[in-house]
């Protein structure tokens, strides 16, 4: 938007540039924070939620299989 006042034109350009710079800095900060949290999670040997859920489901299947095998087991007669 062009105005008749060159001061307002320059002020508008500077404001737009500052907003763009602030957005870029915000994105950079978010990226740096995410990298640090990923590094921390790796150092603490943490797992992601999807990996945890997959292992939990697999464990449930194995528990059901063990219970099924226990139910099929017949007691032995003592000699």
Protein backbone atom coordinates (compact mmCIF):
# COMPACT_ATOMS: atom_id res chain seq x y z
CA UNK A 1 0.00 0.00 0.00
CA UNK A 2 1.48 3.30 -1.10
CA UNK A 3 0.84 6.47 0.84
CA UNK A 4 1.75 10.04 0.08
CA UNK A 5 4.13 10.18 3.05
CA UNK A 6 7.57 8.59 2.45
CA UNK A 7 8.12 8.31 6.20
CA UNK A 8 5.04 6.10 6.53
CA UNK A 9 6.15 4.02 3.54
CA UNK A 10 9.53 3.34 5.13
CA UNK A 11 7.93 2.67 8.50
CA UNK A 12 5.58 0.14 6.89
CA UNK A 13 8.49 -1.62 5.15
CA UNK A 14 10.48 -1.78 8.37
CA UNK A 15 7.49 -3.11 10.31
CA UNK A 16 6.90 -5.85 7.74
CA UNK A 17 10.58 -6.79 7.79
CA UNK A 18 10.59 -6.90 11.59
CA UNK A 19 7.54 -9.16 11.64
CA UNK A 20 9.16 -11.51 9.15
CA UNK A 21 12.33 -11.58 11.22
CA UNK A 22 10.35 -12.29 14.39
CA UNK A 23 8.53 -15.19 12.74
CA UNK A 24 11.80 -16.64 11.47
CA UNK A 25 13.34 -16.33 14.94
CA UNK A 26 10.32 -18.07 16.46
CA UNK A 27 10.63 -20.97 14.01
CA UNK A 28 14.36 -21.21 14.71
CA UNK A 29 13.72 -21.31 18.46
CA UNK A 30 11.09 -24.03 18.02
CA UNK A 31 13.49 -26.11 15.92
CA UNK A 32 16.30 -25.70 18.45
CA UNK A 33 14.01 -26.64 21.34
CA UNK A 34 12.77 -29.74 19.50
CA UNK A 35 16.36 -30.79 18.75
CA UNK A 36 17.33 -30.38 22.41
CA UNK A 37 14.33 -32.39 23.64
CA UNK A 38 15.05 -35.16 21.11
CA UNK A 39 18.66 -35.23 22.30
CA UNK A 40 17.55 -35.41 25.93
CA UNK A 41 15.09 -38.21 25.16
CA UNK A 42 17.86 -40.15 23.42
CA UNK A 43 20.25 -39.67 26.34
CA UNK A 44 17.63 -40.83 28.84
CA UNK A 45 16.87 -43.87 26.65
CA UNK A 46 13.19 -42.95 26.39
CA UNK A 47 10.84 -44.46 23.83
CA UNK A 48 8.29 -42.75 21.67
CA UNK A 49 4.59 -43.26 22.30
CA UNK A 50 4.01 -45.29 19.13
CA UNK A 51 6.84 -47.68 20.06
CA UNK A 52 5.42 -48.02 23.58
CA UNK A 53 1.93 -48.77 22.27
CA UNK A 54 3.27 -51.39 19.85
CA UNK A 55 5.18 -53.17 22.62
CA UNK A 56 2.18 -52.95 24.94
CA UNK A 57 -0.03 -54.63 22.33
CA UNK A 58 2.57 -57.33 21.71
CA UNK A 59 2.87 -57.96 25.45
CA UNK A 60 -0.90 -58.33 25.76
CA UNK A 61 -0.91 -60.95 23.00
CA UNK A 62 1.90 -62.86 24.73
CA UNK A 63 0.07 -62.75 28.07
CA UNK A 64 -3.06 -64.16 26.45
CA UNK A 65 -1.00 -66.90 24.85
CA UNK A 66 0.60 -67.81 28.21
CA UNK A 67 -2.81 -67.93 29.88
CA UNK A 68 -4.10 -70.16 27.09
CA UNK A 69 -1.15 -72.52 27.51
CA UNK A 70 -1.63 -72.60 31.28
CA UNK A 71 -5.29 -73.49 30.81
CA UNK A 72 -4.41 -76.37 28.46
CA UNK A 73 -1.77 -77.73 30.78
CA UNK A 74 -2.91 -80.89 32.54
CA UNK A 75 -1.58 -81.79 35.96
CA UNK A 76 0.74 -84.80 36.06
CA UNK A 77 -0.05 -87.73 38.23
CA UNK A 78 2.46 -88.35 41.01
CA UNK A 79 4.06 -91.84 40.98
